[in-house]
């Protein structure tokens, strides 16, 4: 019985961390658009993750001395899984 409780607790812990925002391949810039820096993207669940968490995850992917600036959000499931369906793309713009 104790083993079953331990397995259930471990499953809950792993499942919760699986819902944290994480980096993926970013959306390409539209034709004719020139970004001020590198593009990064974060998969997240719009119901579970706050916008601050998503922005913080994007900032961690940007180079030092840059700021993650929001560009767009899409829901193409070939980039993000069903539990984290939103993909927010940011541009790492130089700090002013």
PDB file of N, CA and C in Angstrom:
ATOM      1  N   UNK A   1       0.818  -1.193   0.000  1.00  0.00           N
ATOM      2  CA  UNK A   1       0.000   0.000   0.000  1.00  0.00           C
ATOM      3  C   UNK A   1       0.867   1.265   0.000  1.00  0.00           C
ATOM      4  N   UNK A   2       1.933   1.257   0.806  1.00  0.00           N
ATOM      5  CA  UNK A   2       2.803   2.427   0.872  1.00  0.00           C
ATOM      6  C   UNK A   2       3.482   2.684  -0.465  1.00  0.00           C
ATOM      7  N   UNK A   3       3.818   1.629  -1.176  1.00  0.00           N
ATOM      8  CA  UNK A   3       4.460   1.786  -2.492  1.00  0.00           C
ATOM      9  C   UNK A   3       3.493   2.453  -3.461  1.00  0.00           C
ATOM     10  N   UNK A   4       2.231   2.075  -3.412  1.00  0.00           N
ATOM     11  CA  UNK A   4       1.226   2.671  -4.300  1.00  0.00           C
ATOM     12  C   UNK A   4       1.092   4.163  -4.030  1.00  0.00           C
ATOM     13  N   UNK A   5       1.132   4.555  -2.754  1.00  0.00           N
ATOM     14  CA  UNK A   5       1.051   5.986  -2.410  1.00  0.00           C
ATOM     15  C   UNK A   5       2.287   6.735  -2.899  1.00  0.00           C
ATOM     16  N   UNK A   6       3.440   6.109  -2.778  1.00  0.00           N
ATOM     17  CA  UNK A   6       4.685   6.738  -3.240  1.00  0.00           C
ATOM     18  C   UNK A   6       4.662   6.919  -4.744  1.00  0.00           C
ATOM     19  N   UNK A   7       4.188   5.915  -5.464  1.00  0.00           N
ATOM     20  CA  UNK A   7       4.104   6.010  -6.929  1.00  0.00           C
ATOM     21  C   UNK A   7       3.113   7.100  -7.326  1.00  0.00           C
ATOM     22  N   UNK A   8       1.992   7.172  -6.642  1.00  0.00           N
ATOM     23  CA  UNK A   8       0.994   8.201  -6.942  1.00  0.00           C
ATOM     24  C   UNK A   8       1.562   9.594  -6.686  1.00  0.00           C
ATOM     25  N   UNK A   9       2.279   9.775  -5.589  1.00  0.00           N
ATOM     26  CA  UNK A   9       2.879  11.079  -5.273  1.00  0.00           C
ATOM     27  C   UNK A   9       3.923  11.462  -6.311  1.00  0.00           C
ATOM     28  N   UNK A  10       4.745  10.507  -6.711  1.00  0.00           N
ATOM     29  CA  UNK A  10       5.766  10.778  -7.721  1.00  0.00           C
ATOM     30  C   UNK A  10       5.130  11.146  -9.053  1.00  0.00           C
ATOM     31  N   UNK A  11       4.064  10.455  -9.416  1.00  0.00           N
ATOM     32  CA  UNK A  11       3.359  10.751 -10.662  1.00  0.00           C
ATOM     33  C   UNK A  11       2.804  12.171 -10.652  1.00  0.00           C
ATOM     34  N   UNK A  12       2.247  12.592  -9.525  1.00  0.00           N
ATOM     35  CA  UNK A  12       1.724  13.960  -9.417  1.00  0.00           C
ATOM     36  C   UNK A  12       2.840  14.993  -9.561  1.00  0.00           C
ATOM     37  N   UNK A  13       3.969  14.759  -8.928  1.00  0.00           N
ATOM     38  CA  UNK A  13       5.091  15.693  -9.016  1.00  0.00           C
ATOM     39  C   UNK A  13       5.614  15.801 -10.440  1.00  0.00           C
ATOM     40  N   UNK A  14       5.780  14.675 -11.096  1.00  0.00           N
ATOM     41  CA  UNK A  14       6.275  14.677 -12.475  1.00  0.00           C
ATOM     42  C   UNK A  14       5.250  15.329 -13.385  1.00  0.00           C
ATOM     43  N   UNK A  15       3.989  15.034 -13.172  1.00  0.00           N
ATOM     44  CA  UNK A  15       2.933  15.608 -13.995  1.00  0.00           C
ATOM     45  C   UNK A  15       2.858  17.107 -13.870  1.00  0.00           C
ATOM     46  N   UNK A  16       3.066  17.643 -12.658  1.00  0.00           N
ATOM     47  CA  UNK A  16       3.023  19.100 -12.466  1.00  0.00           C
ATOM     48  C   UNK A  16       4.176  19.772 -13.193  1.00  0.00           C
ATOM     49  N   UNK A  17       5.357  19.210 -13.125  1.00  0.00           N
ATOM     50  CA  UNK A  17       6.498  19.835 -13.790  1.00  0.00           C
ATOM     51  C   UNK A  17       6.371  19.732 -15.305  1.00  0.00           C
ATOM     52  N   UNK A  18       5.597  18.771 -15.786  1.00  0.00           N
ATOM     53  CA  UNK A  18       5.399  18.625 -17.225  1.00  0.00           C
ATOM     54  C   UNK A  18       4.568  19.768 -17.781  1.00  0.00           C
ATOM     55  N   UNK A  19       3.867  20.506 -16.922  1.00  0.00           N
ATOM     56  CA  UNK A  19       3.032  21.611 -17.373  1.00  0.00           C
ATOM     57  C   UNK A  19       3.731  22.962 -17.307  1.00  0.00           C
ATOM     58  N   UNK A  20       4.995  22.969 -16.948  1.00  0.00           N
ATOM     59  CA  UNK A  20       5.740  24.229 -16.894  1.00  0.00           C
ATOM     60  C   UNK A  20       6.102  24.667 -18.312  1.00  0.00           C
ATOM     61  N   UNK A  21       6.118  25.969 -18.566  1.00  0.00           N
ATOM     62  CA  UNK A  21       6.503  26.470 -19.888  1.00  0.00           C
ATOM     63  C   UNK A  21       7.913  25.997 -20.253  1.00  0.00           C
ATOM     64  N   UNK A  22       8.130  25.693 -21.535  1.00  0.00           N
ATOM     65  CA  UNK A  22       9.461  25.286 -21.975  1.00  0.00           C
ATOM     66  C   UNK A  22       9.738  25.796 -23.392  1.00  0.00           C
ATOM     67  N   UNK A  23      11.027  25.954 -23.745  1.00  0.00           N
ATOM     68  CA  UNK A  23      11.394  26.515 -25.048  1.00  0.00           C
ATOM     69  C   UNK A  23      11.205  25.527 -26.202  1.00  0.00           C
ATOM     70  N   UNK A  24      10.834  26.073 -27.346  1.00  0.00           N
ATOM     71  CA  UNK A  24      10.681  25.304 -28.586  1.00  0.00           C
ATOM     72  C   UNK A  24      11.163  26.157 -29.751  1.00  0.00           C
ATOM     73  N   UNK A  25      11.077  25.594 -30.956  1.00  0.00           N
ATOM     74  CA  UNK A  25      11.453  26.320 -32.166  1.00  0.00           C
ATOM     75  C   UNK A  25      10.510  27.507 -32.369  1.00  0.00           C
ATOM     76  N   UNK A  26      11.037  28.708 -32.587  1.00  0.00           N
ATOM     77  CA  UNK A  26      10.163  29.891 -32.716  1.00  0.00           C
ATOM     78  C   UNK A  26       9.487  29.996 -34.082  1.00  0.00           C
ATOM     79  N   UNK A  27       8.423  30.736 -34.105  1.00  0.00           N
ATOM     80  CA  UNK A  27       7.711  31.046 -35.355  1.00  0.00           C
ATOM     81  C   UNK A  27       8.598  31.954 -36.199  1.00  0.00           C
ATOM     82  N   UNK A  28       8.640  31.708 -37.490  1.00  0.00           N
ATOM     83  CA  UNK A  28       9.446  32.524 -38.392  1.00  0.00           C
ATOM     84  C   UNK A  28       8.829  33.912 -38.550  1.00  0.00           C
ATOM     85  N   UNK A  29       9.682  34.886 -38.781  1.00  0.00           N
ATOM     86  CA  UNK A  29       9.193  36.248 -39.023  1.00  0.00           C
ATOM     87  C   UNK A  29       8.433  36.272 -40.351  1.00  0.00           C
ATOM     88  N   UNK A  30       7.446  37.133 -40.424  1.00  0.00           N
ATOM     89  CA  UNK A  30       6.698  37.268 -41.668  1.00  0.00           C
ATOM     90  C   UNK A  30       7.597  37.853 -42.752  1.00  0.00           C
ATOM     91  N   UNK A  31       7.272  37.588 -43.987  1.00  0.00           N
ATOM     92  CA  UNK A  31       8.054  38.073 -45.121  1.00  0.00           C
ATOM     93  C   UNK A  31       8.215  39.583 -45.046  1.00  0.00           C
ATOM     94  N   UNK A  32       9.449  40.043 -45.158  1.00  0.00           N
ATOM     95  CA  UNK A  32       9.750  41.462 -45.129  1.00  0.00           C
ATOM     96  C   UNK A  32      10.010  42.016 -43.739  1.00  0.00           C
ATOM     97  N   UNK A  33       9.773  41.234 -42.700  1.00  0.00           N
ATOM     98  CA  UNK A  33      10.005  41.693 -41.329  1.00  0.00           C
ATOM     99  C   UNK A  33      11.430  41.347 -40.918  1.00  0.00           C
ATOM    100  N   UNK A  34      12.144  42.345 -40.419  1.00  0.00           N
ATOM    101  CA  UNK A  34      13.500  42.140 -39.926  1.00  0.00           C
ATOM    102  C   UNK A  34      13.478  42.358 -38.421  1.00  0.00           C
ATOM    103  N   UNK A  35      13.817  41.303 -37.683  1.00  0.00           N
ATOM    104  CA  UNK A  35      13.816  41.395 -36.226  1.00  0.00           C
ATOM    105  C   UNK A  35      15.070  42.096 -35.721  1.00  0.00           C
ATOM    106  N   UNK A  36      14.947  42.688 -34.536  1.00  0.00           N
ATOM    107  CA  UNK A  36      16.075  43.380 -33.907  1.00  0.00           C
ATOM    108  C   UNK A  36      17.022  42.387 -33.234  1.00  0.00           C
ATOM    109  N   UNK A  37      16.661  41.116 -33.195  1.00  0.00           N
ATOM    110  CA  UNK A  37      17.503  40.110 -32.553  1.00  0.00           C
ATOM    111  C   UNK A  37      16.966  38.715 -32.785  1.00  0.00           C
ATOM    112  N   UNK A  38      17.513  37.769 -32.049  1.00  0.00           N
ATOM    113  CA  UNK A  38      17.139  36.360 -32.127  1.00  0.00           C
ATOM    114  C   UNK A  38      15.681  36.173 -31.715  1.00  0.00           C
ATOM    115  N   UNK A  39      15.010  35.186 -32.312  1.00  0.00           N
ATOM    116  CA  UNK A  39      13.640  34.836 -31.933  1.00  0.00           C
ATOM    117  C   UNK A  39      13.678  33.605 -31.042  1.00  0.00           C
ATOM    118  N   UNK A  40      12.865  33.586 -29.990  1.00  0.00           N
ATOM    119  CA  UNK A  40      12.720  32.423 -29.114  1.00  0.00           C
ATOM    120  C   UNK A  40      11.224  32.164 -28.924  1.00  0.00           C
ATOM    121  N   UNK A  41      10.872  30.920 -28.588  1.00  0.00           N
ATOM    122  CA  UNK A  41       9.464  30.590 -28.379  1.00  0.00           C
ATOM    123  C   UNK A  41       9.316  29.700 -27.157  1.00  0.00           C
ATOM    124  N   UNK A  42       8.164  29.797 -26.527  1.00  0.00           N
ATOM    125  CA  UNK A  42       7.859  29.052 -25.318  1.00  0.00           C
ATOM    126  C   UNK A  42       6.486  28.392 -25.468  1.00  0.00           C
ATOM    127  N   UNK A  43       6.421  27.064 -25.228  1.00  0.00           N
ATOM    128  CA  UNK A  43       5.141  26.356 -25.170  1.00  0.00           C
ATOM    129  C   UNK A  43       4.597  26.514 -23.756  1.00  0.00           C
ATOM    130  N   UNK A  44       3.282  26.745 -23.650  1.00  0.00           N
ATOM    131  CA  UNK A  44       2.684  26.893 -22.328  1.00  0.00           C
ATOM    132  C   UNK A  44       1.182  26.639 -22.392  1.00  0.00           C
ATOM    133  N   UNK A  45       0.582  26.433 -21.236  1.00  0.00           N
ATOM    134  CA  UNK A  45      -0.855  26.262 -21.112  1.00  0.00           C
ATOM    135  C   UNK A  45      -1.433  27.594 -20.659  1.00  0.00           C
ATOM    136  N   UNK A  46      -2.329  28.152 -21.432  1.00  0.00           N
ATOM    137  CA  UNK A  46      -2.898  29.464 -21.117  1.00  0.00           C
ATOM    138  C   UNK A  46      -3.724  29.462 -19.835  1.00  0.00           C
ATOM    139  N   UNK A  47      -4.173  28.296 -19.372  1.00  0.00           N
ATOM    140  CA  UNK A  47      -4.967  28.221 -18.145  1.00  0.00           C
ATOM    141  C   UNK A  47      -4.108  28.032 -16.902  1.00  0.00           C
ATOM    142  N   UNK A  48      -2.916  27.438 -17.061  1.00  0.00           N
ATOM    143  CA  UNK A  48      -2.064  27.102 -15.917  1.00  0.00           C
ATOM    144  C   UNK A  48      -0.923  28.098 -15.737  1.00  0.00           C
ATOM    145  N   UNK A  49      -0.296  28.507 -16.821  1.00  0.00           N
ATOM    146  CA  UNK A  49       0.886  29.366 -16.761  1.00  0.00           C
ATOM    147  C   UNK A  49       0.501  30.840 -16.820  1.00  0.00           C
ATOM    148  N   UNK A  50       1.134  31.628 -15.977  1.00  0.00           N
ATOM    149  CA  UNK A  50       0.897  33.079 -16.033  1.00  0.00           C
ATOM    150  C   UNK A  50       1.763  33.673 -17.141  1.00  0.00           C
ATOM    151  N   UNK A  51       1.369  34.837 -17.607  1.00  0.00           N
ATOM    152  CA  UNK A  51       2.155  35.512 -18.643  1.00  0.00           C
ATOM    153  C   UNK A  51       3.552  35.863 -18.126  1.00  0.00           C
ATOM    154  N   UNK A  52       3.655  36.150 -16.824  1.00  0.00           N
ATOM    155  CA  UNK A  52       4.964  36.428 -16.225  1.00  0.00           C
ATOM    156  C   UNK A  52       5.877  35.216 -16.326  1.00  0.00           C
ATOM    157  N   UNK A  53       5.338  34.009 -16.086  1.00  0.00           N
ATOM    158  CA  UNK A  53       6.133  32.781 -16.196  1.00  0.00           C
ATOM    159  C   UNK A  53       6.626  32.580 -17.624  1.00  0.00           C
ATOM    160  N   UNK A  54       5.759  32.814 -18.583  1.00  0.00           N
ATOM    161  CA  UNK A  54       6.111  32.636 -19.991  1.00  0.00           C
ATOM    162  C   UNK A  54       7.184  33.643 -20.386  1.00  0.00           C
ATOM    163  N   UNK A  55       7.000  34.885 -19.994  1.00  0.00           N
ATOM    164  CA  UNK A  55       7.985  35.924 -20.307  1.00  0.00           C
ATOM    165  C   UNK A  55       9.333  35.628 -19.639  1.00  0.00           C
ATOM    166  N   UNK A  56       9.306  35.148 -18.410  1.00  0.00           N
ATOM    167  CA  UNK A  56      10.532  34.797 -17.687  1.00  0.00           C
ATOM    168  C   UNK A  56      11.267  33.654 -18.404  1.00  0.00           C
ATOM    169  N   UNK A  57      10.507  32.647 -18.870  1.00  0.00           N
ATOM    170  CA  UNK A  57      11.107  31.534 -19.600  1.00  0.00           C
ATOM    171  C   UNK A  57      11.731  32.021 -20.904  1.00  0.00           C
ATOM    172  N   UNK A  58      11.076  32.949 -21.578  1.00  0.00           N
ATOM    173  CA  UNK A  58      11.621  33.510 -22.817  1.00  0.00           C
ATOM    174  C   UNK A  58      12.896  34.297 -22.532  1.00  0.00           C
ATOM    175  N   UNK A  59      12.884  35.087 -21.457  1.00  0.00           N
ATOM    176  CA  UNK A  59      14.072  35.881 -21.105  1.00  0.00           C
ATOM    177  C   UNK A  59      15.267  34.976 -20.823  1.00  0.00           C
ATOM    178  N   UNK A  60      15.026  33.812 -20.213  1.00  0.00           N
ATOM    179  CA  UNK A  60      16.106  32.866 -19.942  1.00  0.00           C
ATOM    180  C   UNK A  60      16.727  32.329 -21.229  1.00  0.00           C
ATOM    181  N   UNK A  61      15.965  32.296 -22.312  1.00  0.00           N
ATOM    182  CA  UNK A  61      16.467  31.804 -23.595  1.00  0.00           C
ATOM    183  C   UNK A  61      17.206  32.889 -24.371  1.00  0.00           C
ATOM    184  N   UNK A  62      16.966  34.138 -24.040  1.00  0.00           N
ATOM    185  CA  UNK A  62      17.628  35.249 -24.731  1.00  0.00           C
ATOM    186  C   UNK A  62      19.056  35.432 -24.221  1.00  0.00           C
ATOM    187  N   UNK A  63      19.874  36.012 -25.059  1.00  0.00           N
ATOM    188  CA  UNK A  63      21.258  36.306 -24.695  1.00  0.00           C
ATOM    189  C   UNK A  63      21.292  37.420 -23.649  1.00  0.00           C
ATOM    190  N   UNK A  64      22.386  37.487 -22.874  1.00  0.00           N
ATOM    191  CA  UNK A  64      22.528  38.600 -21.920  1.00  0.00           C
ATOM    192  C   UNK A  64      22.486  39.939 -22.669  1.00  0.00           C
ATOM    193  N   UNK A  65      22.081  40.954 -21.972  1.00  0.00           N
ATOM    194  CA  UNK A  65      21.984  42.311 -22.536  1.00  0.00           C
ATOM    195  C   UNK A  65      20.892  42.438 -23.600  1.00  0.00           C
ATOM    196  N   UNK A  66      19.908  41.504 -23.586  1.00  0.00           N
ATOM    197  CA  UNK A  66      18.749  41.618 -24.471  1.00  0.00           C
ATOM    198  C   UNK A  66      17.481  41.489 -23.625  1.00  0.00           C
ATOM    199  N   UNK A  67      16.368  41.905 -24.196  1.00  0.00           N
ATOM    200  CA  UNK A  67      15.071  41.841 -23.519  1.00  0.00           C
ATOM    201  C   UNK A  67      14.113  41.043 -24.391  1.00  0.00           C
ATOM    202  N   UNK A  68      13.427  40.063 -23.788  1.00  0.00           N
ATOM    203  CA  UNK A  68      12.430  39.278 -24.514  1.00  0.00           C
ATOM    204  C   UNK A  68      11.199  40.141 -24.751  1.00  0.00           C
ATOM    205  N   UNK A  69      10.944  40.458 -26.010  1.00  0.00           N
ATOM    206  CA  UNK A  69       9.821  41.297 -26.394  1.00  0.00           C
ATOM    207  C   UNK A  69       8.792  40.439 -27.121  1.00  0.00           C
ATOM    208  N   UNK A  70       7.563  40.424 -26.628  1.00  0.00           N
ATOM    209  CA  UNK A  70       6.505  39.588 -27.202  1.00  0.00           C
ATOM    210  C   UNK A  70       6.289  39.904 -28.670  1.00  0.00           C
ATOM    211  N   UNK A  71       6.122  38.844 -29.489  1.00  0.00           N
ATOM    212  CA  UNK A  71       5.852  39.000 -30.914  1.00  0.00           C
ATOM    213  C   UNK A  71       4.474  38.449 -31.287  1.00  0.00           C
ATOM    214  N   UNK A  72       4.211  37.171 -30.950  1.00  0.00           N
ATOM    215  CA  UNK A  72       2.934  36.564 -31.326  1.00  0.00           C
ATOM    216  C   UNK A  72       2.695  35.268 -30.556  1.00  0.00           C
ATOM    217  N   UNK A  73       1.465  34.760 -30.642  1.00  0.00           N
ATOM    218  CA  UNK A  73       1.110  33.463 -30.070  1.00  0.00           C
ATOM    219  C   UNK A  73       0.361  32.669 -31.124  1.00  0.00           C
ATOM    220  N   UNK A  74       0.654  31.370 -31.210  1.00  0.00           N
ATOM    221  CA  UNK A  74      -0.088  30.486 -32.109  1.00  0.00           C
ATOM    222  C   UNK A  74      -0.389  29.181 -31.385  1.00  0.00           C
ATOM    223  N   UNK A  75      -1.244  28.370 -31.992  1.00  0.00           N
ATOM    224  CA  UNK A  75      -1.670  27.110 -31.373  1.00  0.00           C
ATOM    225  C   UNK A  75      -1.504  25.950 -32.347  1.00  0.00           C
ATOM    226  N   UNK A  76      -0.397  25.905 -33.086  1.00  0.00           N
ATOM    227  CA  UNK A  76      -0.126  24.800 -34.007  1.00  0.00           C
ATOM    228  C   UNK A  76       0.425  23.630 -33.210  1.00  0.00           C
ATOM    229  N   UNK A  77      -0.312  22.547 -33.122  1.00  0.00           N
ATOM    230  CA  UNK A  77       0.062  21.437 -32.256  1.00  0.00           C
ATOM    231  C   UNK A  77       1.268  20.642 -32.753  1.00  0.00           C
ATOM    232  N   UNK A  78       1.808  20.939 -33.934  1.00  0.00           N
ATOM    233  CA  UNK A  78       3.025  20.248 -34.357  1.00  0.00           C
ATOM    234  C   UNK A  78       4.252  20.792 -33.622  1.00  0.00           C
ATOM    235  N   UNK A  79       4.121  21.937 -32.955  1.00  0.00           N
ATOM    236  CA  UNK A  79       5.226  22.518 -32.203  1.00  0.00           C
ATOM    237  C   UNK A  79       5.085  22.290 -30.699  1.00  0.00           C
ATOM    238  N   UNK A  80       3.880  22.299 -30.189  1.00  0.00           N
ATOM    239  CA  UNK A  80       3.630  22.151 -28.758  1.00  0.00           C
ATOM    240  C   UNK A  80       2.629  21.018 -28.531  1.00  0.00           C
ATOM    241  N   UNK A  81       2.754  20.298 -27.408  1.00  0.00           N
ATOM    242  CA  UNK A  81       1.833  19.192 -27.143  1.00  0.00           C
ATOM    243  C   UNK A  81       0.456  19.675 -26.716  1.00  0.00           C
ATOM    244  N   UNK A  82      -0.482  18.762 -26.679  1.00  0.00           N
ATOM    245  CA  UNK A  82      -1.865  19.084 -26.348  1.00  0.00           C
ATOM    246  C   UNK A  82      -2.026  19.724 -24.971  1.00  0.00           C
ATOM    247  N   UNK A  83      -1.208  19.317 -23.989  1.00  0.00           N
ATOM    248  CA  UNK A  83      -1.326  19.894 -22.648  1.00  0.00           C
ATOM    249  C   UNK A  83      -0.721  21.292 -22.531  1.00  0.00           C
ATOM    250  N   UNK A  84       0.130  21.658 -23.471  1.00  0.00           N
ATOM    251  CA  UNK A  84       0.738  23.000 -23.504  1.00  0.00           C
ATOM    252  C   UNK A  84       0.571  23.542 -24.926  1.00  0.00           C
ATOM    253  N   UNK A  85      -0.654  23.827 -25.354  1.00  0.00           N
ATOM    254  CA  UNK A  85      -0.919  24.087 -26.770  1.00  0.00           C
ATOM    255  C   UNK A  85      -0.487  25.450 -27.314  1.00  0.00           C
ATOM    256  N   UNK A  86      -0.256  26.411 -26.459  1.00  0.00           N
ATOM    257  CA  UNK A  86       0.091  27.756 -26.948  1.00  0.00           C
ATOM    258  C   UNK A  86       1.595  27.902 -27.111  1.00  0.00           C
ATOM    259  N   UNK A  87       2.002  28.540 -28.210  1.00  0.00           N
ATOM    260  CA  UNK A  87       3.422  28.838 -28.439  1.00  0.00           C
ATOM    261  C   UNK A  87       3.563  30.349 -28.586  1.00  0.00           C
ATOM    262  N   UNK A  88       4.207  30.963 -27.602  1.00  0.00           N
ATOM    263  CA  UNK A  88       4.453  32.407 -27.642  1.00  0.00           C
ATOM    264  C   UNK A  88       5.840  32.638 -28.213  1.00  0.00           C
ATOM    265  N   UNK A  89       5.941  33.511 -29.190  1.00  0.00           N
ATOM    266  CA  UNK A  89       7.221  33.840 -29.807  1.00  0.00           C
ATOM    267  C   UNK A  89       7.635  35.236 -29.356  1.00  0.00           C
ATOM    268  N   UNK A  90       8.901  35.364 -29.015  1.00  0.00           N
ATOM    269  CA  UNK A  90       9.490  36.616 -28.544  1.00  0.00           C
ATOM    270  C   UNK A  90      10.705  36.948 -29.393  1.00  0.00           C
ATOM    271  N   UNK A  91      11.032  38.229 -29.467  1.00  0.00           N
ATOM    272  CA  UNK A  91      12.264  38.692 -30.099  1.00  0.00           C
ATOM    273  C   UNK A  91      13.183  39.191 -28.993  1.00  0.00           C
ATOM    274  N   UNK A  92      14.435  38.735 -29.008  1.00  0.00           N
ATOM    275  CA  UNK A  92      15.420  39.159 -28.015  1.00  0.00           C
ATOM    276  C   UNK A  92      16.043  40.462 -28.509  1.00  0.00           C
ATOM    277  N   UNK A  93      15.433  41.556 -28.158  1.00  0.00           N
ATOM    278  CA  UNK A  93      15.885  42.882 -28.624  1.00  0.00           C
ATOM    279  C   UNK A  93      16.981  43.423 -27.692  1.00  0.00           C
ATOM    280  N   UNK A  94      17.941  44.140 -28.259  1.00  0.00           N
ATOM    281  CA  UNK A  94      18.996  44.728 -27.420  1.00  0.00           C
ATOM    282  C   UNK A  94      18.395  45.684 -26.382  1.00  0.00           C
ATOM    283  N   UNK A  95      18.981  45.678 -25.171  1.00  0.00           N
ATOM    284  CA  UNK A  95      18.534  46.602 -24.134  1.00  0.00           C
ATOM    285  C   UNK A  95      18.904  48.014 -24.542  1.00  0.00           C
ATOM    286  N   UNK A  96      18.045  48.952 -24.220  1.00  0.00           N
ATOM    287  CA  UNK A  96      18.313  50.350 -24.597  1.00  0.00           C
ATOM    288  C   UNK A  96      18.845  51.101 -23.414  1.00  0.00           C
TER     289      UNK A  96
END
